[in-house]
Amino acid sequence: MAVNAEKLVMDWINADPNIKASWPARFDVPAESSASHPIPFVTVEQVGGTDEQFRSLPLVAVQVWGESRWLVSEAAAKLILPRLKRIVELPEVADIDITGRTHFPMPDGRPRYQILIQLTVKSDD
């Protein structure tokens, strides 16, 4: 059975208490966040990938949201990306490939940066 990559990445980000306190990772955009009232957070979403007999190769979008392009850019580069690179410390993760980091604002104007990662994860199959 393949590991739930979204939960794995979300839990890994939130395991750092400094990140969780200021940029908590979650699956959904909080209802209280809007263009007029942006709050800092991170969303995690599997956007592709493949499952093989002994490994899974999930493609995961990690999106950093906040009140300004500068803040989300800095958080993505200095907090979230370094944390993601260390996910290979988990026994089930063999490798991580950072496939992109992009300024990716919402159509309503909310600042957002996206980091795309491809994991190589052990499968129970």
PDB file of N, CA and C in Angstrom:
ATOM      1  N   MET A   1       0.844  -1.178   0.000  1.00  0.00           N
ATOM      2  CA  MET A   1       0.000   0.000   0.000  1.00  0.00           C
ATOM      3  C   MET A   1       0.894   1.248   0.000  1.00  0.00           C
ATOM      4  N   ALA A   2       0.526   2.195  -0.802  1.00  0.00           N
ATOM      5  CA  ALA A   2       1.303   3.429  -0.901  1.00  0.00           C
ATOM      6  C   ALA A   2       1.040   4.329   0.314  1.00  0.00           C
ATOM      7  N   VAL A   3       2.072   5.048   0.705  1.00  0.00           N
ATOM      8  CA  VAL A   3       1.976   6.008   1.803  1.00  0.00           C
ATOM      9  C   VAL A   3       1.154   7.209   1.336  1.00  0.00           C
ATOM     10  N   ASN A   4       0.371   7.793   2.218  1.00  0.00           N
ATOM     11  CA  ASN A   4      -0.347   9.026   1.891  1.00  0.00           C
ATOM     12  C   ASN A   4       0.681  10.165   1.904  1.00  0.00           C
ATOM     13  N   ALA A   5       1.132  10.549   0.714  1.00  0.00           N
ATOM     14  CA  ALA A   5       2.211  11.536   0.582  1.00  0.00           C
ATOM     15  C   ALA A   5       1.810  12.906   1.132  1.00  0.00           C
ATOM     16  N   GLU A   6       0.565  13.300   0.930  1.00  0.00           N
ATOM     17  CA  GLU A   6       0.126  14.605   1.445  1.00  0.00           C
ATOM     18  C   GLU A   6       0.252  14.664   2.959  1.00  0.00           C
ATOM     19  N   LYS A   7      -0.235  13.639   3.628  1.00  0.00           N
ATOM     20  CA  LYS A   7      -0.159  13.619   5.092  1.00  0.00           C
ATOM     21  C   LYS A   7       1.281  13.520   5.559  1.00  0.00           C
ATOM     22  N   LEU A   8       2.083  12.722   4.877  1.00  0.00           N
ATOM     23  CA  LEU A   8       3.493  12.587   5.219  1.00  0.00           C
ATOM     24  C   LEU A   8       4.189  13.950   5.171  1.00  0.00           C
ATOM     25  N   VAL A   9       3.992  14.703   4.088  1.00  0.00           N
ATOM     26  CA  VAL A   9       4.637  16.014   3.926  1.00  0.00           C
ATOM     27  C   VAL A   9       4.070  17.022   4.920  1.00  0.00           C
ATOM     28  N   MET A  10       2.747  17.047   5.083  1.00  0.00           N
ATOM     29  CA  MET A  10       2.132  17.984   6.026  1.00  0.00           C
ATOM     30  C   MET A  10       2.639  17.734   7.447  1.00  0.00           C
ATOM     31  N   ASP A  11       2.661  16.473   7.859  1.00  0.00           N
ATOM     32  CA  ASP A  11       3.137  16.149   9.205  1.00  0.00           C
ATOM     33  C   ASP A  11       4.618  16.498   9.370  1.00  0.00           C
ATOM     34  N   TRP A  12       5.418  16.282   8.320  1.00  0.00           N
ATOM     35  CA  TRP A  12       6.846  16.602   8.379  1.00  0.00           C
ATOM     36  C   TRP A  12       7.050  18.108   8.581  1.00  0.00           C
ATOM     37  N   ILE A  13       6.321  18.918   7.839  1.00  0.00           N
ATOM     38  CA  ILE A  13       6.436  20.379   7.990  1.00  0.00           C
ATOM     39  C   ILE A  13       6.010  20.789   9.389  1.00  0.00           C
ATOM     40  N   ASN A  14       4.873  20.277   9.852  1.00  0.00           N
ATOM     41  CA  ASN A  14       4.340  20.656  11.162  1.00  0.00           C
ATOM     42  C   ASN A  14       5.144  20.098  12.328  1.00  0.00           C
ATOM     43  N   ALA A  15       6.021  19.135  12.082  1.00  0.00           N
ATOM     44  CA  ALA A  15       6.849  18.592  13.163  1.00  0.00           C
ATOM     45  C   ALA A  15       7.906  19.598  13.626  1.00  0.00           C
ATOM     46  N   ASP A  16       8.157  20.615  12.815  1.00  0.00           N
ATOM     47  CA  ASP A  16       9.062  21.692  13.231  1.00  0.00           C
ATOM     48  C   ASP A  16       8.228  22.731  13.975  1.00  0.00           C
ATOM     49  N   PRO A  17       8.392  22.871  15.292  1.00  0.00           N
ATOM     50  CA  PRO A  17       7.524  23.764  16.058  1.00  0.00           C
ATOM     51  C   PRO A  17       7.619  25.230  15.631  1.00  0.00           C
ATOM     52  N   ASN A  18       8.772  25.667  15.147  1.00  0.00           N
ATOM     53  CA  ASN A  18       8.893  27.057  14.695  1.00  0.00           C
ATOM     54  C   ASN A  18       8.085  27.319  13.438  1.00  0.00           C
ATOM     55  N   ILE A  19       8.080  26.356  12.526  1.00  0.00           N
ATOM     56  CA  ILE A  19       7.281  26.512  11.309  1.00  0.00           C
ATOM     57  C   ILE A  19       5.802  26.406  11.648  1.00  0.00           C
ATOM     58  N   LYS A  20       5.440  25.409  12.442  1.00  0.00           N
ATOM     59  CA  LYS A  20       4.018  25.209  12.771  1.00  0.00           C
ATOM     60  C   LYS A  20       3.416  26.435  13.459  1.00  0.00           C
ATOM     61  N   ALA A  21       4.209  27.124  14.273  1.00  0.00           N
ATOM     62  CA  ALA A  21       3.696  28.292  14.993  1.00  0.00           C
ATOM     63  C   ALA A  21       3.410  29.470  14.065  1.00  0.00           C
ATOM     64  N   SER A  22       4.192  29.625  13.002  1.00  0.00           N
ATOM     65  CA  SER A  22       4.023  30.798  12.147  1.00  0.00           C
ATOM     66  C   SER A  22       3.497  30.479  10.747  1.00  0.00           C
ATOM     67  N   TRP A  23       3.743  29.283  10.227  1.00  0.00           N
ATOM     68  CA  TRP A  23       3.313  28.883   8.883  1.00  0.00           C
ATOM     69  C   TRP A  23       2.749  27.458   8.937  1.00  0.00           C
ATOM     70  N   PRO A  24       1.653  27.214   9.655  1.00  0.00           N
ATOM     71  CA  PRO A  24       1.151  25.850   9.808  1.00  0.00           C
ATOM     72  C   PRO A  24       0.736  25.237   8.471  1.00  0.00           C
ATOM     73  N   ALA A  25       1.090  23.967   8.298  1.00  0.00           N
ATOM     74  CA  ALA A  25       0.711  23.244   7.084  1.00  0.00           C
ATOM     75  C   ALA A  25      -0.647  22.587   7.283  1.00  0.00           C
ATOM     76  N   ARG A  26      -1.424  22.566   6.204  1.00  0.00           N
ATOM     77  CA  ARG A  26      -2.773  22.014   6.251  1.00  0.00           C
ATOM     78  C   ARG A  26      -3.171  21.536   4.864  1.00  0.00           C
ATOM     79  N   PHE A  27      -4.296  20.859   4.776  1.00  0.00           N
ATOM     80  CA  PHE A  27      -4.792  20.410   3.474  1.00  0.00           C
ATOM     81  C   PHE A  27      -5.608  21.486   2.776  1.00  0.00           C
ATOM     82  N   ASP A  28      -6.339  22.284   3.539  1.00  0.00           N
ATOM     83  CA  ASP A  28      -7.280  23.245   2.967  1.00  0.00           C
ATOM     84  C   ASP A  28      -6.923  24.680   3.325  1.00  0.00           C
ATOM     85  N   VAL A  29      -7.369  25.599   2.476  1.00  0.00           N
ATOM     86  CA  VAL A  29      -7.226  27.026   2.757  1.00  0.00           C
ATOM     87  C   VAL A  29      -8.192  27.368   3.891  1.00  0.00           C
ATOM     88  N   PRO A  30      -7.691  28.000   4.954  1.00  0.00           N
ATOM     89  CA  PRO A  30      -8.592  28.335   6.065  1.00  0.00           C
ATOM     90  C   PRO A  30      -9.685  29.317   5.631  1.00  0.00           C
ATOM     91  N   ALA A  31     -10.871  29.115   6.159  1.00  0.00           N
ATOM     92  CA  ALA A  31     -12.016  29.966   5.803  1.00  0.00           C
ATOM     93  C   ALA A  31     -11.762  31.429   6.148  1.00  0.00           C
ATOM     94  N   GLU A  32     -10.975  31.688   7.194  1.00  0.00           N
ATOM     95  CA  GLU A  32     -10.745  33.069   7.619  1.00  0.00           C
ATOM     96  C   GLU A  32      -9.724  33.808   6.749  1.00  0.00           C
ATOM     97  N   SER A  33      -9.090  33.115   5.804  1.00  0.00           N
ATOM     98  CA  SER A  33      -8.124  33.766   4.918  1.00  0.00           C
ATOM     99  C   SER A  33      -8.831  34.279   3.667  1.00  0.00           C
ATOM    100  N   SER A  34      -8.555  35.521   3.304  1.00  0.00           N
ATOM    101  CA  SER A  34      -9.148  36.114   2.104  1.00  0.00           C
ATOM    102  C   SER A  34      -8.184  37.135   1.531  1.00  0.00           C
ATOM    103  N   ALA A  35      -8.521  37.684   0.377  1.00  0.00           N
ATOM    104  CA  ALA A  35      -7.667  38.701  -0.245  1.00  0.00           C
ATOM    105  C   ALA A  35      -7.530  39.919   0.664  1.00  0.00           C
ATOM    106  N   SER A  36      -8.583  40.258   1.379  1.00  0.00           N
ATOM    107  CA  SER A  36      -8.528  41.428   2.260  1.00  0.00           C
ATOM    108  C   SER A  36      -7.957  41.100   3.636  1.00  0.00           C
ATOM    109  N   HIS A  37      -7.892  39.816   3.970  1.00  0.00           N
ATOM    110  CA  HIS A  37      -7.359  39.393   5.272  1.00  0.00           C
ATOM    111  C   HIS A  37      -6.514  38.130   5.104  1.00  0.00           C
ATOM    112  N   PRO A  38      -5.356  38.248   4.435  1.00  0.00           N
ATOM    113  CA  PRO A  38      -4.514  37.059   4.262  1.00  0.00           C
ATOM    114  C   PRO A  38      -3.811  36.678   5.563  1.00  0.00           C
ATOM    115  N   ILE A  39      -3.726  35.400   5.806  1.00  0.00           N
ATOM    116  CA  ILE A  39      -2.999  34.898   6.973  1.00  0.00           C
ATOM    117  C   ILE A  39      -1.920  33.929   6.472  1.00  0.00           C
ATOM    118  N   PRO A  40      -0.822  33.781   7.201  1.00  0.00           N
ATOM    119  CA  PRO A  40       0.231  32.873   6.750  1.00  0.00           C
ATOM    120  C   PRO A  40      -0.098  31.410   7.040  1.00  0.00           C
ATOM    121  N   PHE A  41       0.085  30.566   6.037  1.00  0.00           N
ATOM    122  CA  PHE A  41      -0.098  29.129   6.182  1.00  0.00           C
ATOM    123  C   PHE A  41       0.508  28.449   4.965  1.00  0.00           C
ATOM    124  N   VAL A  42       0.544  27.124   5.000  1.00  0.00           N
ATOM    125  CA  VAL A  42       1.069  26.310   3.917  1.00  0.00           C
ATOM    126  C   VAL A  42       0.013  25.260   3.584  1.00  0.00           C
ATOM    127  N   THR A  43      -0.220  25.039   2.290  1.00  0.00           N
ATOM    128  CA  THR A  43      -1.091  23.932   1.902  1.00  0.00           C
ATOM    129  C   THR A  43      -0.249  22.862   1.211  1.00  0.00           C
ATOM    130  N   VAL A  44      -0.717  21.613   1.334  1.00  0.00           N
ATOM    131  CA  VAL A  44      -0.027  20.461   0.760  1.00  0.00           C
ATOM    132  C   VAL A  44      -1.050  19.687  -0.066  1.00  0.00           C
ATOM    133  N   GLU A  45      -0.687  19.397  -1.323  1.00  0.00           N
ATOM    134  CA  GLU A  45      -1.616  18.705  -2.218  1.00  0.00           C
ATOM    135  C   GLU A  45      -0.839  17.813  -3.182  1.00  0.00           C
ATOM    136  N   GLN A  46      -1.239  16.546  -3.255  1.00  0.00           N
ATOM    137  CA  GLN A  46      -0.625  15.677  -4.257  1.00  0.00           C
ATOM    138  C   GLN A  46      -1.245  16.018  -5.604  1.00  0.00           C
ATOM    139  N   VAL A  47      -0.398  16.300  -6.588  1.00  0.00           N
ATOM    140  CA  VAL A  47      -0.876  16.741  -7.899  1.00  0.00           C
ATOM    141  C   VAL A  47      -0.512  15.758  -9.020  1.00  0.00           C
ATOM    142  N   GLY A  48       0.089  14.642  -8.659  1.00  0.00           N
ATOM    143  CA  GLY A  48       0.452  13.640  -9.651  1.00  0.00           C
ATOM    144  C   GLY A  48       1.348  12.605  -9.032  1.00  0.00           C
ATOM    145  N   GLY A  49       1.940  11.795  -9.896  1.00  0.00           N
ATOM    146  CA  GLY A  49       2.862  10.768  -9.448  1.00  0.00           C
ATOM    147  C   GLY A  49       2.437   9.388  -9.902  1.00  0.00           C
ATOM    148  N   THR A  50       3.255   8.417  -9.562  1.00  0.00           N
ATOM    149  CA  THR A  50       2.977   7.032  -9.933  1.00  0.00           C
ATOM    150  C   THR A  50       3.234   6.111  -8.753  1.00  0.00           C
ATOM    151  N   ASP A  51       2.580   4.963  -8.783  1.00  0.00           N
ATOM    152  CA  ASP A  51       2.808   3.912  -7.798  1.00  0.00           C
ATOM    153  C   ASP A  51       3.353   2.702  -8.531  1.00  0.00           C
ATOM    154  N   GLU A  52       4.440   2.158  -8.009  1.00  0.00           N
ATOM    155  CA  GLU A  52       5.058   0.976  -8.575  1.00  0.00           C
ATOM    156  C   GLU A  52       5.020  -0.136  -7.533  1.00  0.00           C
ATOM    157  N   GLN A  53       5.593  -1.288  -7.857  1.00  0.00           N
ATOM    158  CA  GLN A  53       5.488  -2.431  -6.952  1.00  0.00           C
ATOM    159  C   GLN A  53       6.128  -2.165  -5.599  1.00  0.00           C
ATOM    160  N   PHE A  54       7.320  -1.572  -5.555  1.00  0.00           N
ATOM    161  CA  PHE A  54       8.009  -1.394  -4.284  1.00  0.00           C
ATOM    162  C   PHE A  54       8.234   0.059  -3.890  1.00  0.00           C
ATOM    163  N   ARG A  55       7.780   0.971  -4.721  1.00  0.00           N
ATOM    164  CA  ARG A  55       7.959   2.392  -4.415  1.00  0.00           C
ATOM    165  C   ARG A  55       6.831   3.214  -5.010  1.00  0.00           C
ATOM    166  N   SER A  56       6.672   4.377  -4.437  1.00  0.00           N
ATOM    167  CA  SER A  56       5.708   5.350  -4.908  1.00  0.00           C
ATOM    168  C   SER A  56       6.486   6.622  -5.235  1.00  0.00           C
ATOM    169  N   LEU A  57       6.080   7.331  -6.286  1.00  0.00           N
ATOM    170  CA  LEU A  57       6.746   8.559  -6.720  1.00  0.00           C
ATOM    171  C   LEU A  57       5.730   9.702  -6.763  1.00  0.00           C
ATOM    172  N   PRO A  58       5.224  10.128  -5.604  1.00  0.00           N
ATOM    173  CA  PRO A  58       4.217  11.181  -5.596  1.00  0.00           C
ATOM    174  C   PRO A  58       4.813  12.541  -5.954  1.00  0.00           C
ATOM    175  N   LEU A  59       4.050  13.311  -6.733  1.00  0.00           N
ATOM    176  CA  LEU A  59       4.384  14.706  -7.033  1.00  0.00           C
ATOM    177  C   LEU A  59       3.488  15.566  -6.149  1.00  0.00           C
ATOM    178  N   VAL A  60       4.116  16.391  -5.308  1.00  0.00           N
ATOM    179  CA  VAL A  60       3.371  17.137  -4.289  1.00  0.00           C
ATOM    180  C   VAL A  60       3.624  18.632  -4.449  1.00  0.00           C
ATOM    181  N   ALA A  61       2.538  19.405  -4.452  1.00  0.00           N
ATOM    182  CA  ALA A  61       2.627  20.865  -4.468  1.00  0.00           C
ATOM    183  C   ALA A  61       2.521  21.371  -3.032  1.00  0.00           C
ATOM    184  N   VAL A  62       3.534  22.109  -2.616  1.00  0.00           N
ATOM    185  CA  VAL A  62       3.546  22.742  -1.302  1.00  0.00           C
ATOM    186  C   VAL A  62       3.442  24.238  -1.552  1.00  0.00           C
ATOM    187  N   GLN A  63       2.330  24.826  -1.115  1.00  0.00           N
ATOM    188  CA  GLN A  63       2.077  26.235  -1.404  1.00  0.00           C
ATOM    189  C   GLN A  63       2.142  27.058  -0.125  1.00  0.00           C
ATOM    190  N   VAL A  64       2.921  28.133  -0.197  1.00  0.00           N
ATOM    191  CA  VAL A  64       3.150  29.019   0.943  1.00  0.00           C
ATOM    192  C   VAL A  64       2.336  30.289   0.706  1.00  0.00           C
ATOM    193  N   TRP A  65       1.409  30.580   1.618  1.00  0.00           N
ATOM    194  CA  TRP A  65       0.479  31.702   1.494  1.00  0.00           C
ATOM    195  C   TRP A  65       0.777  32.731   2.581  1.00  0.00           C
ATOM    196  N   GLY A  66       0.534  34.010   2.277  1.00  0.00           N
ATOM    197  CA  GLY A  66       0.743  35.039   3.293  1.00  0.00           C
ATOM    198  C   GLY A  66       0.314  36.409   2.806  1.00  0.00           C
ATOM    199  N   GLU A  67       0.750  37.436   3.554  1.00  0.00           N
ATOM    200  CA  GLU A  67       0.241  38.778   3.273  1.00  0.00           C
ATOM    201  C   GLU A  67       1.015  39.562   2.219  1.00  0.00           C
ATOM    202  N   SER A  68       2.237  39.137   1.870  1.00  0.00           N
ATOM    203  CA  SER A  68       2.966  39.846   0.815  1.00  0.00           C
ATOM    204  C   SER A  68       3.831  38.865   0.036  1.00  0.00           C
ATOM    205  N   ARG A  69       4.133  39.237  -1.204  1.00  0.00           N
ATOM    206  CA  ARG A  69       4.979  38.389  -2.029  1.00  0.00           C
ATOM    207  C   ARG A  69       6.341  38.183  -1.366  1.00  0.00           C
ATOM    208  N   TRP A  70       6.888  39.236  -0.770  1.00  0.00           N
ATOM    209  CA  TRP A  70       8.183  39.138  -0.109  1.00  0.00           C
ATOM    210  C   TRP A  70       8.151  38.119   1.032  1.00  0.00           C
ATOM    211  N   LEU A  71       7.133  38.187   1.875  1.00  0.00           N
ATOM    212  CA  LEU A  71       7.043  37.271   3.018  1.00  0.00           C
ATOM    213  C   LEU A  71       6.901  35.816   2.585  1.00  0.00           C
ATOM    214  N   VAL A  72       6.062  35.557   1.589  1.00  0.00           N
ATOM    215  CA  VAL A  72       5.895  34.167   1.165  1.00  0.00           C
ATOM    216  C   VAL A  72       7.145  33.656   0.442  1.00  0.00           C
ATOM    217  N   SER A  73       7.814  34.541  -0.292  1.00  0.00           N
ATOM    218  CA  SER A  73       9.055  34.163  -0.955  1.00  0.00           C
ATOM    219  C   SER A  73      10.123  33.799   0.076  1.00  0.00           C
ATOM    220  N   GLU A  74      10.267  34.628   1.099  1.00  0.00           N
ATOM    221  CA  GLU A  74      11.248  34.372   2.157  1.00  0.00           C
ATOM    222  C   GLU A  74      10.917  33.106   2.943  1.00  0.00           C
ATOM    223  N   ALA A  75       9.647  32.928   3.274  1.00  0.00           N
ATOM    224  CA  ALA A  75       9.247  31.723   4.017  1.00  0.00           C
ATOM    225  C   ALA A  75       9.493  30.469   3.173  1.00  0.00           C
ATOM    226  N   ALA A  76       9.166  30.541   1.883  1.00  0.00           N
ATOM    227  CA  ALA A  76       9.388  29.392   1.004  1.00  0.00           C
ATOM    228  C   ALA A  76      10.871  29.055   0.930  1.00  0.00           C
ATOM    229  N   ALA A  77      11.712  30.072   0.744  1.00  0.00           N
ATOM    230  CA  ALA A  77      13.146  29.846   0.544  1.00  0.00           C
ATOM    231  C   ALA A  77      13.901  29.513   1.828  1.00  0.00           C
ATOM    232  N   LYS A  78      13.534  30.143   2.928  1.00  0.00           N
ATOM    233  CA  LYS A  78      14.342  30.029   4.146  1.00  0.00           C
ATOM    234  C   LYS A  78      13.769  29.104   5.218  1.00  0.00           C
ATOM    235  N   LEU A  79      12.483  28.796   5.130  1.00  0.00           N
ATOM    236  CA  LEU A  79      11.873  27.910   6.130  1.00  0.00           C
ATOM    237  C   LEU A  79      11.399  26.591   5.528  1.00  0.00           C
ATOM    238  N   ILE A  80      10.520  26.704   4.544  1.00  0.00           N
ATOM    239  CA  ILE A  80       9.842  25.513   4.032  1.00  0.00           C
ATOM    240  C   ILE A  80      10.772  24.650   3.177  1.00  0.00           C
ATOM    241  N   LEU A  81      11.478  25.248   2.239  1.00  0.00           N
ATOM    242  CA  LEU A  81      12.350  24.477   1.360  1.00  0.00           C
ATOM    243  C   LEU A  81      13.451  23.724   2.126  1.00  0.00           C
ATOM    244  N   PRO A  82      14.160  24.378   3.049  1.00  0.00           N
ATOM    245  CA  PRO A  82      15.154  23.616   3.816  1.00  0.00           C
ATOM    246  C   PRO A  82      14.537  22.463   4.618  1.00  0.00           C
ATOM    247  N   ARG A  83      13.344  22.678   5.154  1.00  0.00           N
ATOM    248  CA  ARG A  83      12.668  21.613   5.891  1.00  0.00           C
ATOM    249  C   ARG A  83      12.314  20.459   4.956  1.00  0.00           C
ATOM    250  N   LEU A  84      11.795  20.778   3.774  1.00  0.00           N
ATOM    251  CA  LEU A  84      11.436  19.732   2.820  1.00  0.00           C
ATOM    252  C   LEU A  84      12.652  18.907   2.406  1.00  0.00           C
ATOM    253  N   LYS A  85      13.781  19.551   2.216  1.00  0.00           N
ATOM    254  CA  LYS A  85      14.991  18.834   1.802  1.00  0.00           C
ATOM    255  C   LYS A  85      15.426  17.802   2.829  1.00  0.00           C
ATOM    256  N   ARG A  86      15.025  17.981   4.076  1.00  0.00           N
ATOM    257  CA  ARG A  86      15.403  17.053   5.145  1.00  0.00           C
ATOM    258  C   ARG A  86      14.398  15.904   5.323  1.00  0.00           C
ATOM    259  N   ILE A  87      13.374  15.833   4.485  1.00  0.00           N
ATOM    260  CA  ILE A  87      12.354  14.795   4.639  1.00  0.00           C
ATOM    261  C   ILE A  87      12.938  13.393   4.428  1.00  0.00           C
ATOM    262  N   VAL A  88      14.109  13.317   3.811  1.00  0.00           N
ATOM    263  CA  VAL A  88      14.775  12.013   3.642  1.00  0.00           C
ATOM    264  C   VAL A  88      15.222  11.433   4.986  1.00  0.00           C
ATOM    265  N   GLU A  89      15.122  12.205   6.057  1.00  0.00           N
ATOM    266  CA  GLU A  89      15.393  11.679   7.399  1.00  0.00           C
ATOM    267  C   GLU A  89      14.331  10.680   7.836  1.00  0.00           C
ATOM    268  N   LEU A  90      13.160  10.721   7.200  1.00  0.00           N
ATOM    269  CA  LEU A  90      12.107   9.743   7.503  1.00  0.00           C
ATOM    270  C   LEU A  90      12.484   8.404   6.881  1.00  0.00           C
ATOM    271  N   PRO A  91      12.277   7.294   7.590  1.00  0.00           N
ATOM    272  CA  PRO A  91      12.704   5.994   7.065  1.00  0.00           C
ATOM    273  C   PRO A  91      11.998   5.578   5.779  1.00  0.00           C
ATOM    274  N   GLU A  92      10.789   6.046   5.552  1.00  0.00           N
ATOM    275  CA  GLU A  92      10.056   5.641   4.351  1.00  0.00           C
ATOM    276  C   GLU A  92      10.374   6.478   3.118  1.00  0.00           C
ATOM    277  N   VAL A  93      11.131   7.565   3.275  1.00  0.00           N
ATOM    278  CA  VAL A  93      11.464   8.432   2.141  1.00  0.00           C
ATOM    279  C   VAL A  93      12.914   8.187   1.723  1.00  0.00           C
ATOM    280  N   ALA A  94      13.086   7.724   0.489  1.00  0.00           N
ATOM    281  CA  ALA A  94      14.426   7.429  -0.022  1.00  0.00           C
ATOM    282  C   ALA A  94      15.061   8.634  -0.700  1.00  0.00           C
ATOM    283  N   ASP A  95      14.238   9.507  -1.309  1.00  0.00           N
ATOM    284  CA  ASP A  95      14.801  10.627  -2.063  1.00  0.00           C
ATOM    285  C   ASP A  95      13.743  11.713  -2.237  1.00  0.00           C
ATOM    286  N   ILE A  96      14.230  12.925  -2.483  1.00  0.00           N
ATOM    287  CA  ILE A  96      13.363  14.054  -2.810  1.00  0.00           C
ATOM    288  C   ILE A  96      14.014  14.807  -3.959  1.00  0.00           C
ATOM    289  N   ASP A  97      13.189  15.207  -4.906  1.00  0.00           N
ATOM    290  CA  ASP A  97      13.644  16.035  -6.018  1.00  0.00           C
ATOM    291  C   ASP A  97      12.786  17.295  -6.006  1.00  0.00           C
ATOM    292  N   ILE A  98      13.433  18.440  -5.870  1.00  0.00           N
ATOM    293  CA  ILE A  98      12.713  19.721  -5.928  1.00  0.00           C
ATOM    294  C   ILE A  98      12.567  20.053  -7.412  1.00  0.00           C
ATOM    295  N   THR A  99      11.365  19.961  -7.935  1.00  0.00           N
ATOM    296  CA  THR A  99      11.178  20.154  -9.373  1.00  0.00           C
ATOM    297  C   THR A  99      10.853  21.597  -9.749  1.00  0.00           C
ATOM    298  N   GLY A 100      10.552  22.433  -8.758  1.00  0.00           N
ATOM    299  CA  GLY A 100      10.293  23.835  -9.075  1.00  0.00           C
ATOM    300  C   GLY A 100       9.899  24.654  -7.867  1.00  0.00           C
ATOM    301  N   ARG A 101      10.177  25.950  -7.966  1.00  0.00           N
ATOM    302  CA  ARG A 101       9.731  26.934  -6.967  1.00  0.00           C
ATOM    303  C   ARG A 101       9.287  28.153  -7.758  1.00  0.00           C
ATOM    304  N   THR A 102       8.030  28.519  -7.617  1.00  0.00           N
ATOM    305  CA  THR A 102       7.426  29.507  -8.493  1.00  0.00           C
ATOM    306  C   THR A 102       6.563  30.501  -7.735  1.00  0.00           C
ATOM    307  N   HIS A 103       6.639  31.758  -8.126  1.00  0.00           N
ATOM    308  CA  HIS A 103       5.668  32.748  -7.670  1.00  0.00           C
ATOM    309  C   HIS A 103       4.352  32.366  -8.326  1.00  0.00           C
ATOM    310  N   PHE A 104       3.310  32.144  -7.532  1.00  0.00           N
ATOM    311  CA  PHE A 104       2.067  31.559  -8.024  1.00  0.00           C
ATOM    312  C   PHE A 104       0.877  32.226  -7.327  1.00  0.00           C
ATOM    313  N   PRO A 105       0.667  33.553  -7.568  1.00  0.00           N
ATOM    314  CA  PRO A 105      -0.396  34.257  -6.842  1.00  0.00           C
ATOM    315  C   PRO A 105      -1.787  33.738  -7.204  1.00  0.00           C
ATOM    316  N   MET A 106      -2.686  33.858  -6.250  1.00  0.00           N
ATOM    317  CA  MET A 106      -4.082  33.508  -6.487  1.00  0.00           C
ATOM    318  C   MET A 106      -4.710  34.534  -7.421  1.00  0.00           C
ATOM    319  N   PRO A 107      -5.727  34.149  -8.173  1.00  0.00           N
ATOM    320  CA  PRO A 107      -6.419  35.121  -9.028  1.00  0.00           C
ATOM    321  C   PRO A 107      -7.007  36.312  -8.247  1.00  0.00           C
ATOM    322  N   ASP A 108      -7.327  36.101  -6.954  1.00  0.00           N
ATOM    323  CA  ASP A 108      -7.868  37.202  -6.152  1.00  0.00           C
ATOM    324  C   ASP A 108      -6.766  38.111  -5.598  1.00  0.00           C
ATOM    325  N   GLY A 109      -5.501  37.822  -5.938  1.00  0.00           N
ATOM    326  CA  GLY A 109      -4.399  38.681  -5.533  1.00  0.00           C
ATOM    327  C   GLY A 109      -3.609  38.206  -4.334  1.00  0.00           C
ATOM    328  N   ARG A 110      -4.082  37.162  -3.642  1.00  0.00           N
ATOM    329  CA  ARG A 110      -3.342  36.681  -2.473  1.00  0.00           C
ATOM    330  C   ARG A 110      -1.976  36.148  -2.893  1.00  0.00           C
ATOM    331  N   PRO A 111      -0.920  36.607  -2.224  1.00  0.00           N
ATOM    332  CA  PRO A 111       0.420  36.116  -2.540  1.00  0.00           C
ATOM    333  C   PRO A 111       0.576  34.645  -2.169  1.00  0.00           C
ATOM    334  N   ARG A 112       1.285  33.930  -3.047  1.00  0.00           N
ATOM    335  CA  ARG A 112       1.493  32.500  -2.829  1.00  0.00           C
ATOM    336  C   ARG A 112       2.731  32.075  -3.620  1.00  0.00           C
ATOM    337  N   TYR A 113       3.563  31.243  -3.014  1.00  0.00           N
ATOM    338  CA  TYR A 113       4.675  30.598  -3.706  1.00  0.00           C
ATOM    339  C   TYR A 113       4.415  29.098  -3.695  1.00  0.00           C
ATOM    340  N   GLN A 114       4.791  28.445  -4.766  1.00  0.00           N
ATOM    341  CA  GLN A 114       4.600  27.004  -4.859  1.00  0.00           C
ATOM    342  C   GLN A 114       5.947  26.310  -5.011  1.00  0.00           C
ATOM    343  N   ILE A 115       6.124  25.262  -4.222  1.00  0.00           N
ATOM    344  CA  ILE A 115       7.287  24.395  -4.324  1.00  0.00           C
ATOM    345  C   ILE A 115       6.767  23.024  -4.756  1.00  0.00           C
ATOM    346  N   LEU A 116       7.271  22.519  -5.870  1.00  0.00           N
ATOM    347  CA  LEU A 116       6.893  21.184  -6.329  1.00  0.00           C
ATOM    348  C   LEU A 116       7.993  20.200  -5.950  1.00  0.00           C
ATOM    349  N   ILE A 117       7.583  19.103  -5.337  1.00  0.00           N
ATOM    350  CA  ILE A 117       8.550  18.078  -4.956  1.00  0.00           C
ATOM    351  C   ILE A 117       8.100  16.718  -5.490  1.00  0.00           C
ATOM    352  N   GLN A 118       9.068  15.919  -5.867  1.00  0.00           N
ATOM    353  CA  GLN A 118       8.821  14.526  -6.241  1.00  0.00           C
ATOM    354  C   GLN A 118       9.543  13.673  -5.209  1.00  0.00           C
ATOM    355  N   LEU A 119       8.773  12.879  -4.486  1.00  0.00           N
ATOM    356  CA  LEU A 119       9.355  11.990  -3.482  1.00  0.00           C
ATOM    357  C   LEU A 119       9.535  10.596  -4.035  1.00  0.00           C
ATOM    358  N   THR A 120      10.481   9.870  -3.505  1.00  0.00           N
ATOM    359  CA  THR A 120      10.597   8.439  -3.721  1.00  0.00           C
ATOM    360  C   THR A 120      10.343   7.801  -2.360  1.00  0.00           C
ATOM    361  N   VAL A 121       9.209   7.090  -2.274  1.00  0.00           N
ATOM    362  CA  VAL A 121       8.737   6.555  -1.001  1.00  0.00           C
ATOM    363  C   VAL A 121       8.618   5.040  -1.098  1.00  0.00           C
ATOM    364  N   LYS A 122       9.057   4.351  -0.049  1.00  0.00           N
ATOM    365  CA  LYS A 122       8.907   2.892   0.000  1.00  0.00           C
ATOM    366  C   LYS A 122       7.426   2.534   0.020  1.00  0.00           C
ATOM    367  N   SER A 123       7.083   1.485  -0.704  1.00  0.00           N
ATOM    368  CA  SER A 123       5.723   0.990  -0.722  1.00  0.00           C
ATOM    369  C   SER A 123       5.694  -0.382  -0.060  1.00  0.00           C
ATOM    370  N   ASP A 124       4.578  -0.722   0.559  1.00  0.00           N
ATOM    371  CA  ASP A 124       4.435  -2.011   1.228  1.00  0.00           C
ATOM    372  C   ASP A 124       4.150  -3.149   0.251  1.00  0.00           C
ATOM    373  N   ASP A 125       3.923  -2.822  -1.005  1.00  0.00           N
ATOM    374  CA  ASP A 125       3.564  -3.863  -1.994  1.00  0.00           C
ATOM    375  C   ASP A 125       4.736  -4.729  -2.361  1.00  0.00           C
TER     376      ASP A 125
END
